[in-house]
Amino acid sequence: MTLIGNVLFGFEEGPKVLNAIRSAGQPLVDDWDCLKYMVRIFEERCGPLTQYGMKHMRSVANICNADVWEEAMDKSAVSGVHY
């Protein structure tokens, strides 16, 4: 997930975006369909999110909240597979 964040946002901003925590009272994600789709992309490219992997759900939600396009997520997940 760290590599995907670095590809999408850069080495400085990637960790900040992935680890951001929203204020109390705000939903985890603004677009739940985006979250489902991004998880599907991640699982297709990187393997299933196990119970342990669910710790990355906030990072995936933050990717959606940053208005990342599905194509960008797909390309960044593919690049992570090759490393």
N, C-alpha and C. Protein backbone atom coordinates (compact mmCIF):
# COMPACT_ATOMS: atom_id res chain seq x y z
N MET A 1 0.82 -1.19 0.00
CA MET A 1 0.00 0.00 0.00
C MET A 1 0.87 1.25 0.00
N THR A 2 1.99 1.20 0.70
CA THR A 2 2.89 2.35 0.74
C THR A 2 3.40 2.70 -0.65
N LEU A 3 3.76 1.68 -1.43
CA LEU A 3 4.23 1.93 -2.78
C LEU A 3 3.15 2.57 -3.64
N ILE A 4 1.92 2.11 -3.51
CA ILE A 4 0.81 2.69 -4.26
C ILE A 4 0.64 4.16 -3.88
N GLY A 5 0.71 4.46 -2.60
CA GLY A 5 0.60 5.85 -2.16
C GLY A 5 1.72 6.71 -2.70
N ASN A 6 2.93 6.16 -2.73
CA ASN A 6 4.06 6.92 -3.25
C ASN A 6 3.93 7.17 -4.75
N VAL A 7 3.42 6.18 -5.48
CA VAL A 7 3.22 6.35 -6.92
C VAL A 7 2.13 7.40 -7.17
N LEU A 8 1.06 7.35 -6.42
CA LEU A 8 -0.06 8.26 -6.64
C LEU A 8 0.23 9.69 -6.18
N PHE A 9 0.90 9.84 -5.03
CA PHE A 9 1.02 11.15 -4.41
C PHE A 9 2.45 11.65 -4.21
N GLY A 10 3.43 10.81 -4.47
CA GLY A 10 4.82 11.18 -4.25
C GLY A 10 5.30 10.68 -2.89
N PHE A 11 6.61 10.67 -2.72
CA PHE A 11 7.20 10.10 -1.51
C PHE A 11 6.93 10.93 -0.26
N GLU A 12 6.77 12.22 -0.41
CA GLU A 12 6.48 13.06 0.77
C GLU A 12 5.00 13.05 1.11
N GLU A 13 4.17 13.23 0.11
CA GLU A 13 2.73 13.34 0.35
C GLU A 13 2.05 11.98 0.52
N GLY A 14 2.59 10.94 -0.10
CA GLY A 14 1.97 9.61 -0.04
C GLY A 14 1.64 9.16 1.37
N PRO A 15 2.61 9.12 2.28
CA PRO A 15 2.31 8.69 3.64
C PRO A 15 1.30 9.59 4.35
N LYS A 16 1.37 10.90 4.07
CA LYS A 16 0.43 11.83 4.70
C LYS A 16 -1.00 11.54 4.26
N VAL A 17 -1.19 11.31 2.96
CA VAL A 17 -2.53 11.03 2.45
C VAL A 17 -3.03 9.69 2.97
N LEU A 18 -2.21 8.66 2.88
CA LEU A 18 -2.64 7.32 3.28
C LEU A 18 -2.96 7.23 4.76
N ASN A 19 -2.26 7.97 5.58
CA ASN A 19 -2.43 7.87 7.04
C ASN A 19 -3.33 8.94 7.63
N ALA A 20 -3.92 9.77 6.79
CA ALA A 20 -4.78 10.85 7.29
C ALA A 20 -6.00 10.28 8.02
N ILE A 21 -6.38 10.95 9.08
CA ILE A 21 -7.57 10.56 9.86
C ILE A 21 -8.53 11.73 9.81
N ARG A 22 -9.75 11.45 9.43
CA ARG A 22 -10.77 12.50 9.34
C ARG A 22 -11.26 12.89 10.73
N SER A 23 -11.85 14.06 10.78
CA SER A 23 -12.40 14.57 12.04
C SER A 23 -13.54 13.67 12.52
N ALA A 24 -13.75 13.69 13.82
CA ALA A 24 -14.85 12.93 14.42
C ALA A 24 -16.17 13.37 13.78
N GLY A 25 -17.01 12.42 13.50
CA GLY A 25 -18.31 12.70 12.92
C GLY A 25 -18.34 12.61 11.41
N GLN A 26 -17.16 12.61 10.77
CA GLN A 26 -17.12 12.47 9.32
C GLN A 26 -17.10 10.99 8.96
N PRO A 27 -17.71 10.63 7.83
CA PRO A 27 -17.65 9.23 7.41
C PRO A 27 -16.24 8.86 6.97
N LEU A 28 -15.95 7.58 6.96
CA LEU A 28 -14.65 7.09 6.52
C LEU A 28 -14.35 7.53 5.10
N VAL A 29 -15.37 7.48 4.25
CA VAL A 29 -15.19 7.79 2.83
C VAL A 29 -16.42 8.54 2.32
N ASP A 30 -16.19 9.42 1.37
CA ASP A 30 -17.30 10.18 0.79
C ASP A 30 -18.08 9.36 -0.23
N ASP A 31 -17.41 8.49 -0.95
CA ASP A 31 -18.02 7.72 -2.03
C ASP A 31 -17.79 6.23 -1.78
N TRP A 32 -18.80 5.56 -1.24
CA TRP A 32 -18.67 4.14 -0.89
C TRP A 32 -18.48 3.27 -2.13
N ASP A 33 -19.06 3.66 -3.25
CA ASP A 33 -18.86 2.89 -4.49
C ASP A 33 -17.40 2.95 -4.92
N CYS A 34 -16.78 4.12 -4.75
CA CYS A 34 -15.36 4.25 -5.05
C CYS A 34 -14.55 3.30 -4.18
N LEU A 35 -14.86 3.25 -2.90
CA LEU A 35 -14.12 2.38 -1.99
C LEU A 35 -14.22 0.92 -2.43
N LYS A 36 -15.42 0.49 -2.75
CA LYS A 36 -15.61 -0.90 -3.20
C LYS A 36 -14.82 -1.17 -4.47
N TYR A 37 -14.86 -0.22 -5.40
CA TYR A 37 -14.16 -0.39 -6.66
C TYR A 37 -12.65 -0.41 -6.46
N MET A 38 -12.14 0.48 -5.64
CA MET A 38 -10.70 0.55 -5.39
C MET A 38 -10.19 -0.71 -4.67
N VAL A 39 -10.99 -1.23 -3.76
CA VAL A 39 -10.62 -2.49 -3.10
C VAL A 39 -10.57 -3.61 -4.13
N ARG A 40 -11.54 -3.62 -5.03
CA ARG A 40 -11.57 -4.65 -6.08
C ARG A 40 -10.31 -4.55 -6.95
N ILE A 41 -9.94 -3.34 -7.33
CA ILE A 41 -8.72 -3.16 -8.12
C ILE A 41 -7.51 -3.66 -7.35
N PHE A 42 -7.41 -3.26 -6.08
CA PHE A 42 -6.27 -3.69 -5.26
C PHE A 42 -6.20 -5.21 -5.20
N GLU A 43 -7.33 -5.86 -4.96
CA GLU A 43 -7.34 -7.32 -4.84
C GLU A 43 -7.01 -8.01 -6.15
N GLU A 44 -7.46 -7.45 -7.26
CA GLU A 44 -7.14 -8.05 -8.57
C GLU A 44 -5.65 -7.97 -8.86
N ARG A 45 -5.02 -6.88 -8.47
CA ARG A 45 -3.61 -6.66 -8.80
C ARG A 45 -2.65 -7.18 -7.73
N CYS A 46 -3.07 -7.12 -6.46
CA CYS A 46 -2.14 -7.39 -5.36
C CYS A 46 -2.52 -8.61 -4.52
N GLY A 47 -3.69 -9.18 -4.75
CA GLY A 47 -4.14 -10.31 -3.97
C GLY A 47 -5.22 -9.89 -2.98
N PRO A 48 -5.92 -10.87 -2.44
CA PRO A 48 -7.04 -10.57 -1.55
C PRO A 48 -6.61 -9.87 -0.26
N LEU A 49 -7.48 -8.98 0.19
CA LEU A 49 -7.26 -8.34 1.48
C LEU A 49 -7.71 -9.32 2.56
N THR A 50 -6.78 -9.88 3.26
CA THR A 50 -7.09 -10.79 4.35
C THR A 50 -7.54 -9.96 5.56
N GLN A 51 -7.84 -10.63 6.63
CA GLN A 51 -8.19 -9.91 7.85
C GLN A 51 -7.07 -8.95 8.24
N TYR A 52 -5.83 -9.40 8.11
CA TYR A 52 -4.68 -8.55 8.41
C TYR A 52 -4.62 -7.36 7.45
N GLY A 53 -4.92 -7.61 6.19
CA GLY A 53 -4.86 -6.56 5.18
C GLY A 53 -5.93 -5.51 5.32
N MET A 54 -6.97 -5.80 6.11
CA MET A 54 -8.04 -4.82 6.31
C MET A 54 -7.54 -3.56 7.00
N LYS A 55 -6.36 -3.63 7.59
CA LYS A 55 -5.78 -2.44 8.21
C LYS A 55 -5.53 -1.35 7.19
N HIS A 56 -5.52 -1.71 5.90
CA HIS A 56 -5.28 -0.75 4.84
C HIS A 56 -6.56 -0.08 4.34
N MET A 57 -7.70 -0.43 4.90
CA MET A 57 -8.97 0.10 4.41
C MET A 57 -9.02 1.63 4.52
N ARG A 58 -8.48 2.19 5.58
CA ARG A 58 -8.46 3.64 5.72
C ARG A 58 -7.62 4.26 4.59
N SER A 59 -6.51 3.63 4.25
CA SER A 59 -5.67 4.15 3.17
C SER A 59 -6.42 4.14 1.85
N VAL A 60 -7.16 3.07 1.58
CA VAL A 60 -7.93 3.00 0.35
C VAL A 60 -9.03 4.06 0.37
N ALA A 61 -9.67 4.24 1.51
CA ALA A 61 -10.69 5.30 1.63
C ALA A 61 -10.07 6.66 1.38
N ASN A 62 -8.87 6.90 1.90
CA ASN A 62 -8.21 8.18 1.70
C ASN A 62 -7.86 8.40 0.23
N ILE A 63 -7.54 7.33 -0.47
CA ILE A 63 -7.29 7.45 -1.91
C ILE A 63 -8.56 7.92 -2.61
N CYS A 64 -9.70 7.36 -2.24
CA CYS A 64 -10.98 7.80 -2.81
C CYS A 64 -11.27 9.25 -2.43
N ASN A 65 -11.05 9.59 -1.19
CA ASN A 65 -11.32 10.95 -0.72
C ASN A 65 -10.43 11.99 -1.41
N ALA A 66 -9.29 11.54 -1.94
CA ALA A 66 -8.38 12.43 -2.66
C ALA A 66 -8.76 12.51 -4.15
N ASP A 67 -9.89 11.91 -4.50
CA ASP A 67 -10.41 11.95 -5.88
C ASP A 67 -9.46 11.33 -6.91
N VAL A 68 -8.82 10.25 -6.52
CA VAL A 68 -7.96 9.51 -7.45
C VAL A 68 -8.85 8.75 -8.43
N TRP A 69 -8.53 8.81 -9.67
CA TRP A 69 -9.29 8.09 -10.69
C TRP A 69 -8.96 6.61 -10.63
N GLU A 70 -9.93 5.80 -11.01
CA GLU A 70 -9.75 4.35 -10.99
C GLU A 70 -8.57 3.92 -11.85
N GLU A 71 -8.38 4.57 -12.99
CA GLU A 71 -7.28 4.21 -13.88
C GLU A 71 -5.93 4.45 -13.22
N ALA A 72 -5.82 5.53 -12.46
CA ALA A 72 -4.57 5.82 -11.76
C ALA A 72 -4.30 4.78 -10.68
N MET A 73 -5.34 4.37 -9.97
CA MET A 73 -5.18 3.33 -8.96
C MET A 73 -4.74 2.03 -9.61
N ASP A 74 -5.35 1.70 -10.73
CA ASP A 74 -5.01 0.46 -11.42
C ASP A 74 -3.55 0.48 -11.87
N LYS A 75 -3.12 1.58 -12.45
CA LYS A 75 -1.73 1.68 -12.90
C LYS A 75 -0.74 1.63 -11.74
N SER A 76 -1.08 2.28 -10.64
CA SER A 76 -0.17 2.27 -9.49
C SER A 76 -0.13 0.89 -8.85
N ALA A 77 -1.25 0.19 -8.81
CA ALA A 77 -1.27 -1.17 -8.25
C ALA A 77 -0.47 -2.12 -9.13
N VAL A 78 -0.56 -1.95 -10.44
CA VAL A 78 0.23 -2.77 -11.36
C VAL A 78 1.72 -2.52 -11.14
N SER A 79 2.10 -1.27 -10.97
CA SER A 79 3.52 -0.97 -10.76
C SER A 79 4.01 -1.59 -9.46
N GLY A 80 3.15 -1.68 -8.46
CA GLY A 80 3.54 -2.30 -7.20
C GLY A 80 3.77 -3.79 -7.30
N VAL A 81 3.11 -4.43 -8.27
CA VAL A 81 3.26 -5.87 -8.46
C VAL A 81 4.66 -6.19 -8.99
N HIS A 82 5.24 -5.28 -9.74
CA HIS A 82 6.52 -5.54 -10.39
C HIS A 82 7.72 -5.32 -9.50
N TYR A 83 7.53 -4.80 -8.29
CA TYR A 83 8.66 -4.53 -7.41
C TYR A 83 8.87 -5.65 -6.44
